Amino acid sequence: MVELKQSKVFQGLPEPEIRSIEKQMKTVKHPAGHEIVVRGDGGVGFMIITDGTVAVKTVQGKTRKLGPGDSFGEMALLDHEGRSATITAETDVTMATIPEWNFKPFLKEHPEVAYRLLQTLSRRVRQAEGDL
């Protein structure tokens, strides 16, 4: 089990900001085998895994694993193009989530988190371009 302050997107943020973030997040649990996100569906939230692992399957058929401290869901909330991958719980999973309607105000309130999400997206683009 990882605490939010240990997650990649929140690591090193000041404690008061972490407490503020924690108040805005809801805990969600999914059983092993559950499809949490289906590619093409609309966004339901930004999620940070606090316990368990998920499998991410992209449109190209590539699969990768995410675990405690990893996050997903920001792309569909930023561009409203629907989910870019299908994400299935490999184990029982616990996540902290920010619902779609709170995401933009959340980023305005926590600009350092917005910057870190940009870094994450940049890494994903580089990986995707490297796979071409």
N, C-alpha and C. Protein backbone atom coordinates (compact mmCIF):
# COMPACT_ATOMS: atom_id res chain seq x y z
N MET A 1 0.85 -1.19 0.00
CA MET A 1 0.00 0.00 0.00
C MET A 1 0.89 1.24 0.00
N VAL A 2 0.64 2.13 -0.95
CA VAL A 2 1.44 3.35 -1.05
C VAL A 2 0.56 4.53 -0.62
N GLU A 3 1.15 5.48 0.07
CA GLU A 3 0.42 6.70 0.43
C GLU A 3 0.47 7.66 -0.74
N LEU A 4 -0.52 8.54 -0.84
CA LEU A 4 -0.57 9.49 -1.95
C LEU A 4 0.70 10.30 -2.07
N LYS A 5 1.28 10.71 -0.94
CA LYS A 5 2.48 11.54 -1.00
C LYS A 5 3.66 10.80 -1.61
N GLN A 6 3.58 9.46 -1.70
CA GLN A 6 4.65 8.66 -2.31
C GLN A 6 4.41 8.44 -3.80
N SER A 7 3.22 8.77 -4.29
CA SER A 7 2.93 8.55 -5.71
C SER A 7 3.79 9.48 -6.55
N LYS A 8 4.12 9.04 -7.76
CA LYS A 8 5.04 9.78 -8.63
C LYS A 8 4.58 11.21 -8.89
N VAL A 9 3.28 11.39 -9.04
CA VAL A 9 2.77 12.70 -9.42
C VAL A 9 2.72 13.68 -8.23
N PHE A 10 2.74 13.17 -7.00
CA PHE A 10 2.66 14.04 -5.81
C PHE A 10 3.94 14.05 -4.98
N GLN A 11 4.92 13.23 -5.33
CA GLN A 11 6.15 13.10 -4.53
C GLN A 11 6.83 14.44 -4.30
N GLY A 12 7.16 14.72 -3.05
CA GLY A 12 7.91 15.93 -2.73
C GLY A 12 7.08 17.19 -2.58
N LEU A 13 5.76 17.08 -2.77
CA LEU A 13 4.92 18.26 -2.57
C LEU A 13 4.85 18.58 -1.07
N PRO A 14 4.66 19.85 -0.73
CA PRO A 14 4.56 20.21 0.70
C PRO A 14 3.38 19.50 1.37
N GLU A 15 3.56 19.15 2.64
CA GLU A 15 2.55 18.41 3.39
C GLU A 15 1.17 19.07 3.38
N PRO A 16 1.06 20.40 3.54
CA PRO A 16 -0.28 21.02 3.49
C PRO A 16 -0.98 20.79 2.14
N GLU A 17 -0.19 20.83 1.05
CA GLU A 17 -0.78 20.60 -0.27
C GLU A 17 -1.23 19.15 -0.41
N ILE A 18 -0.46 18.21 0.11
CA ILE A 18 -0.84 16.79 0.09
C ILE A 18 -2.16 16.61 0.85
N ARG A 19 -2.28 17.23 2.01
CA ARG A 19 -3.52 17.10 2.81
C ARG A 19 -4.71 17.67 2.03
N SER A 20 -4.51 18.79 1.35
CA SER A 20 -5.56 19.39 0.54
C SER A 20 -5.97 18.45 -0.60
N ILE A 21 -4.98 17.84 -1.24
CA ILE A 21 -5.23 16.89 -2.33
C ILE A 21 -6.01 15.69 -1.81
N GLU A 22 -5.59 15.15 -0.68
CA GLU A 22 -6.25 13.96 -0.12
C GLU A 22 -7.73 14.22 0.15
N LYS A 23 -8.07 15.43 0.58
CA LYS A 23 -9.47 15.77 0.85
C LYS A 23 -10.32 15.76 -0.42
N GLN A 24 -9.68 16.01 -1.56
CA GLN A 24 -10.42 16.10 -2.83
C GLN A 24 -10.57 14.74 -3.51
N MET A 25 -9.87 13.75 -3.03
CA MET A 25 -9.86 12.44 -3.69
C MET A 25 -10.79 11.45 -2.99
N LYS A 26 -11.37 10.56 -3.77
CA LYS A 26 -12.22 9.50 -3.26
C LYS A 26 -11.50 8.17 -3.46
N THR A 27 -11.73 7.23 -2.56
CA THR A 27 -11.14 5.90 -2.70
C THR A 27 -12.11 5.00 -3.46
N VAL A 28 -11.57 4.27 -4.43
CA VAL A 28 -12.36 3.34 -5.24
C VAL A 28 -11.63 2.00 -5.25
N LYS A 29 -12.39 0.90 -5.17
CA LYS A 29 -11.79 -0.44 -5.21
C LYS A 29 -12.41 -1.23 -6.36
N HIS A 30 -11.57 -2.05 -7.01
CA HIS A 30 -12.03 -2.93 -8.08
C HIS A 30 -11.47 -4.33 -7.86
N PRO A 31 -12.27 -5.37 -8.11
CA PRO A 31 -11.77 -6.74 -7.95
C PRO A 31 -10.88 -7.15 -9.12
N ALA A 32 -10.01 -8.12 -8.90
CA ALA A 32 -9.16 -8.67 -9.96
C ALA A 32 -10.04 -9.09 -11.14
N GLY A 33 -9.58 -8.78 -12.36
CA GLY A 33 -10.31 -9.14 -13.57
C GLY A 33 -11.27 -8.07 -14.07
N HIS A 34 -11.58 -7.08 -13.26
CA HIS A 34 -12.53 -6.03 -13.65
C HIS A 34 -11.89 -5.08 -14.66
N GLU A 35 -12.64 -4.74 -15.72
CA GLU A 35 -12.18 -3.73 -16.68
C GLU A 35 -12.51 -2.36 -16.09
N ILE A 36 -11.49 -1.67 -15.62
CA ILE A 36 -11.67 -0.38 -14.96
C ILE A 36 -11.99 0.69 -16.00
N VAL A 37 -11.28 0.64 -17.11
CA VAL A 37 -11.42 1.60 -18.20
C VAL A 37 -11.44 0.82 -19.50
N VAL A 38 -12.35 1.20 -20.39
CA VAL A 38 -12.42 0.56 -21.71
C VAL A 38 -12.06 1.61 -22.75
N ARG A 39 -11.12 1.24 -23.65
CA ARG A 39 -10.66 2.16 -24.69
C ARG A 39 -11.85 2.72 -25.46
N GLY A 40 -11.83 4.05 -25.68
CA GLY A 40 -12.89 4.71 -26.43
C GLY A 40 -13.97 5.30 -25.55
N ASP A 41 -14.14 4.76 -24.33
CA ASP A 41 -15.16 5.30 -23.43
C ASP A 41 -14.74 6.69 -22.96
N GLY A 42 -15.71 7.45 -22.46
CA GLY A 42 -15.43 8.77 -21.91
C GLY A 42 -14.65 8.65 -20.61
N GLY A 43 -14.06 9.77 -20.20
CA GLY A 43 -13.30 9.79 -18.96
C GLY A 43 -14.21 9.78 -17.75
N VAL A 44 -13.83 9.07 -16.72
CA VAL A 44 -14.60 9.09 -15.48
C VAL A 44 -13.78 9.68 -14.34
N GLY A 45 -12.50 9.81 -14.54
CA GLY A 45 -11.67 10.38 -13.49
C GLY A 45 -10.19 10.14 -13.72
N PHE A 46 -9.41 10.81 -12.90
CA PHE A 46 -7.96 10.64 -12.86
C PHE A 46 -7.69 9.73 -11.67
N MET A 47 -6.92 8.67 -11.88
CA MET A 47 -6.74 7.67 -10.83
C MET A 47 -5.27 7.44 -10.49
N ILE A 48 -5.03 7.24 -9.19
CA ILE A 48 -3.71 6.89 -8.69
C ILE A 48 -3.85 5.57 -7.96
N ILE A 49 -3.07 4.59 -8.37
CA ILE A 49 -3.12 3.27 -7.74
C ILE A 49 -2.42 3.36 -6.38
N THR A 50 -3.13 2.95 -5.34
CA THR A 50 -2.50 2.92 -4.01
C THR A 50 -2.19 1.48 -3.59
N ASP A 51 -2.89 0.50 -4.19
CA ASP A 51 -2.63 -0.89 -3.87
C ASP A 51 -3.07 -1.76 -5.03
N GLY A 52 -2.24 -2.75 -5.40
CA GLY A 52 -2.59 -3.66 -6.48
C GLY A 52 -1.92 -3.28 -7.80
N THR A 53 -2.23 -4.07 -8.83
CA THR A 53 -1.65 -3.82 -10.16
C THR A 53 -2.73 -3.91 -11.22
N VAL A 54 -2.50 -3.17 -12.31
CA VAL A 54 -3.40 -3.19 -13.46
C VAL A 54 -2.59 -3.45 -14.72
N ALA A 55 -3.27 -3.95 -15.76
CA ALA A 55 -2.67 -4.12 -17.08
C ALA A 55 -3.27 -3.08 -18.01
N VAL A 56 -2.40 -2.38 -18.74
CA VAL A 56 -2.82 -1.35 -19.69
C VAL A 56 -2.60 -1.91 -21.09
N LYS A 57 -3.68 -1.97 -21.89
CA LYS A 57 -3.56 -2.48 -23.26
C LYS A 57 -3.94 -1.36 -24.22
N THR A 58 -2.97 -0.95 -25.07
CA THR A 58 -3.19 0.15 -26.00
C THR A 58 -3.84 -0.34 -27.29
N VAL A 59 -4.23 0.60 -28.14
CA VAL A 59 -4.85 0.28 -29.42
C VAL A 59 -3.91 -0.56 -30.30
N GLN A 60 -2.60 -0.37 -30.14
CA GLN A 60 -1.63 -1.14 -30.92
C GLN A 60 -1.44 -2.55 -30.36
N GLY A 61 -2.10 -2.84 -29.24
CA GLY A 61 -1.98 -4.17 -28.64
C GLY A 61 -0.84 -4.29 -27.66
N LYS A 62 -0.13 -3.19 -27.40
CA LYS A 62 0.96 -3.23 -26.42
C LYS A 62 0.37 -3.26 -25.02
N THR A 63 1.03 -4.03 -24.14
CA THR A 63 0.56 -4.13 -22.76
C THR A 63 1.68 -3.73 -21.83
N ARG A 64 1.32 -2.99 -20.78
CA ARG A 64 2.28 -2.68 -19.72
C ARG A 64 1.54 -2.74 -18.41
N LYS A 65 2.29 -2.85 -17.34
CA LYS A 65 1.71 -2.94 -16.00
C LYS A 65 1.91 -1.63 -15.26
N LEU A 66 0.93 -1.29 -14.44
CA LEU A 66 1.04 -0.16 -13.53
C LEU A 66 0.76 -0.68 -12.12
N GLY A 67 1.43 -0.08 -11.14
CA GLY A 67 1.26 -0.51 -9.76
C GLY A 67 1.18 0.67 -8.82
N PRO A 68 1.32 0.40 -7.53
CA PRO A 68 1.19 1.46 -6.53
C PRO A 68 2.07 2.67 -6.84
N GLY A 69 1.45 3.85 -6.79
CA GLY A 69 2.16 5.10 -7.09
C GLY A 69 1.98 5.57 -8.52
N ASP A 70 1.56 4.66 -9.42
CA ASP A 70 1.33 5.03 -10.81
C ASP A 70 -0.06 5.64 -10.96
N SER A 71 -0.23 6.45 -12.02
CA SER A 71 -1.52 7.10 -12.26
C SER A 71 -1.94 6.91 -13.71
N PHE A 72 -3.23 7.10 -13.95
CA PHE A 72 -3.75 7.05 -15.32
C PHE A 72 -5.07 7.82 -15.38
N GLY A 73 -5.52 8.08 -16.61
CA GLY A 73 -6.82 8.71 -16.81
C GLY A 73 -6.78 10.17 -17.19
N GLU A 74 -5.59 10.80 -17.13
CA GLU A 74 -5.54 12.23 -17.37
C GLU A 74 -5.77 12.59 -18.84
N MET A 75 -5.35 11.73 -19.77
CA MET A 75 -5.46 12.09 -21.19
C MET A 75 -6.92 12.31 -21.60
N ALA A 76 -7.80 11.39 -21.24
CA ALA A 76 -9.21 11.52 -21.62
C ALA A 76 -9.86 12.74 -20.99
N LEU A 77 -9.37 13.13 -19.81
CA LEU A 77 -9.92 14.31 -19.15
C LEU A 77 -9.40 15.60 -19.75
N LEU A 78 -8.19 15.56 -20.31
CA LEU A 78 -7.60 16.76 -20.89
C LEU A 78 -8.10 17.01 -22.31
N ASP A 79 -8.24 15.95 -23.12
CA ASP A 79 -8.61 16.19 -24.52
C ASP A 79 -10.02 15.73 -24.89
N HIS A 80 -10.72 15.10 -23.96
CA HIS A 80 -12.10 14.64 -24.17
C HIS A 80 -12.27 13.75 -25.39
N GLU A 81 -11.19 13.01 -25.74
CA GLU A 81 -11.22 12.12 -26.89
C GLU A 81 -11.56 10.69 -26.51
N GLY A 82 -11.88 10.45 -25.27
CA GLY A 82 -12.15 9.08 -24.82
C GLY A 82 -10.87 8.41 -24.36
N ARG A 83 -11.02 7.28 -23.73
CA ARG A 83 -9.88 6.55 -23.17
C ARG A 83 -9.00 5.99 -24.28
N SER A 84 -7.69 6.07 -24.09
CA SER A 84 -6.73 5.64 -25.12
C SER A 84 -6.31 4.19 -24.94
N ALA A 85 -6.73 3.56 -23.84
CA ALA A 85 -6.32 2.18 -23.55
C ALA A 85 -7.41 1.51 -22.72
N THR A 86 -7.35 0.19 -22.69
CA THR A 86 -8.21 -0.58 -21.79
C THR A 86 -7.36 -0.95 -20.59
N ILE A 87 -7.89 -0.73 -19.41
CA ILE A 87 -7.14 -1.00 -18.18
C ILE A 87 -7.93 -2.00 -17.35
N THR A 88 -7.28 -3.12 -17.06
CA THR A 88 -7.91 -4.22 -16.34
C THR A 88 -7.16 -4.48 -15.04
N ALA A 89 -7.91 -4.67 -13.96
CA ALA A 89 -7.30 -5.00 -12.67
C ALA A 89 -6.69 -6.40 -12.74
N GLU A 90 -5.39 -6.51 -12.48
CA GLU A 90 -4.74 -7.82 -12.44
C GLU A 90 -4.92 -8.47 -11.07
N THR A 91 -4.94 -7.61 -10.05
CA THR A 91 -5.18 -8.04 -8.67
C THR A 91 -6.32 -7.17 -8.16
N ASP A 92 -6.76 -7.40 -6.95
CA ASP A 92 -7.68 -6.44 -6.34
C ASP A 92 -6.94 -5.10 -6.29
N VAL A 93 -7.62 -4.03 -6.67
CA VAL A 93 -6.96 -2.73 -6.79
C VAL A 93 -7.70 -1.69 -5.95
N THR A 94 -6.92 -0.86 -5.27
CA THR A 94 -7.45 0.31 -4.56
C THR A 94 -6.84 1.54 -5.20
N MET A 95 -7.69 2.53 -5.49
CA MET A 95 -7.21 3.74 -6.14
C MET A 95 -7.80 4.97 -5.48
N ALA A 96 -7.03 6.05 -5.53
CA ALA A 96 -7.52 7.38 -5.16
C ALA A 96 -7.90 8.04 -6.48
N THR A 97 -9.07 8.66 -6.53
CA THR A 97 -9.54 9.21 -7.80
C THR A 97 -10.10 10.61 -7.63
N ILE A 98 -9.93 11.40 -8.69
CA ILE A 98 -10.55 12.73 -8.78
C ILE A 98 -11.54 12.63 -9.94
N PRO A 99 -12.83 12.87 -9.67
CA PRO A 99 -13.81 12.77 -10.76
C PRO A 99 -13.58 13.82 -11.84
N GLU A 100 -14.07 13.53 -13.02
CA GLU A 100 -13.85 14.38 -14.18
C GLU A 100 -14.23 15.84 -13.92
N TRP A 101 -15.37 16.07 -13.28
CA TRP A 101 -15.84 17.45 -13.08
C TRP A 101 -14.97 18.25 -12.11
N ASN A 102 -14.13 17.58 -11.32
CA ASN A 102 -13.24 18.28 -10.40
C ASN A 102 -11.82 18.42 -10.93
N PHE A 103 -11.52 17.79 -12.08
CA PHE A 103 -10.14 17.68 -12.54
C PHE A 103 -9.53 19.03 -12.91
N LYS A 104 -10.23 19.83 -13.73
CA LYS A 104 -9.68 21.12 -14.16
C LYS A 104 -9.50 22.07 -12.96
N PRO A 105 -10.51 22.23 -12.09
CA PRO A 105 -10.30 23.08 -10.91
C PRO A 105 -9.15 22.55 -10.03
N PHE A 106 -9.02 21.23 -9.95
CA PHE A 106 -7.96 20.62 -9.16
C PHE A 106 -6.59 21.02 -9.72
N LEU A 107 -6.43 20.97 -11.04
CA LEU A 107 -5.15 21.34 -11.67
C LEU A 107 -4.85 22.82 -11.47
N LYS A 108 -5.89 23.67 -11.53
CA LYS A 108 -5.67 25.11 -11.30
C LYS A 108 -5.21 25.37 -9.87
N GLU A 109 -5.75 24.59 -8.94
CA GLU A 109 -5.40 24.76 -7.53
C GLU A 109 -4.02 24.18 -7.21
N HIS A 110 -3.58 23.20 -8.00
CA HIS A 110 -2.31 22.52 -7.75
C HIS A 110 -1.46 22.52 -9.03
N PRO A 111 -0.89 23.69 -9.41
CA PRO A 111 -0.15 23.79 -10.68
C PRO A 111 1.06 22.86 -10.76
N GLU A 112 1.69 22.54 -9.64
CA GLU A 112 2.84 21.62 -9.67
C GLU A 112 2.41 20.23 -10.14
N VAL A 113 1.20 19.83 -9.78
CA VAL A 113 0.67 18.53 -10.23
C VAL A 113 0.43 18.59 -11.74
N ALA A 114 -0.10 19.71 -12.23
CA ALA A 114 -0.32 19.87 -13.68
C ALA A 114 1.00 19.74 -14.43
N TYR A 115 2.06 20.37 -13.90
CA TYR A 115 3.38 20.28 -14.52
C TYR A 115 3.87 18.84 -14.55
N ARG A 116 3.68 18.12 -13.45
CA ARG A 116 4.13 16.72 -13.39
C ARG A 116 3.35 15.84 -14.36
N LEU A 117 2.08 16.13 -14.54
CA LEU A 117 1.30 15.38 -15.53
C LEU A 117 1.82 15.65 -16.93
N LEU A 118 2.22 16.89 -17.21
CA LEU A 118 2.82 17.21 -18.51
C LEU A 118 4.11 16.41 -18.72
N GLN A 119 4.91 16.26 -17.66
CA GLN A 119 6.13 15.46 -17.76
C GLN A 119 5.79 14.00 -18.07
N THR A 120 4.76 13.47 -17.41
CA THR A 120 4.32 12.09 -17.64
C THR A 120 3.87 11.91 -19.08
N LEU A 121 3.06 12.85 -19.57
CA LEU A 121 2.57 12.77 -20.94
C LEU A 121 3.72 12.85 -21.93
N SER A 122 4.69 13.71 -21.66
CA SER A 122 5.85 13.84 -22.52
C SER A 122 6.62 12.51 -22.61
N ARG A 123 6.80 11.85 -21.47
CA ARG A 123 7.48 10.55 -21.46
C ARG A 123 6.72 9.52 -22.29
N ARG A 124 5.39 9.54 -22.15
CA ARG A 124 4.57 8.58 -22.91
C ARG A 124 4.68 8.82 -24.40
N VAL A 125 4.69 10.09 -24.82
CA VAL A 125 4.83 10.42 -26.24
C VAL A 125 6.19 9.94 -26.75
N ARG A 126 7.24 10.18 -26.00
CA ARG A 126 8.58 9.73 -26.41
C ARG A 126 8.63 8.21 -26.54
N GLN A 127 8.01 7.51 -25.59
CA GLN A 127 7.99 6.04 -25.65
C GLN A 127 7.23 5.58 -26.88
N ALA A 128 6.06 6.21 -27.12
CA ALA A 128 5.24 5.83 -28.27
C ALA A 128 5.97 6.09 -29.58
N GLU A 129 6.65 7.24 -29.68
CA GLU A 129 7.40 7.56 -30.90
C GLU A 129 8.59 6.62 -31.07
N GLY A 130 9.17 6.19 -29.96
CA GLY A 130 10.30 5.25 -30.03
C GLY A 130 9.88 3.87 -30.47
N ASP A 131 8.58 3.56 -30.30
CA ASP A 131 8.07 2.23 -30.67
C ASP A 131 7.65 2.17 -32.14
N LEU A 132 7.64 3.32 -32.83
CA LEU A 132 7.18 3.33 -34.23
C LEU A 132 8.14 2.62 -35.15
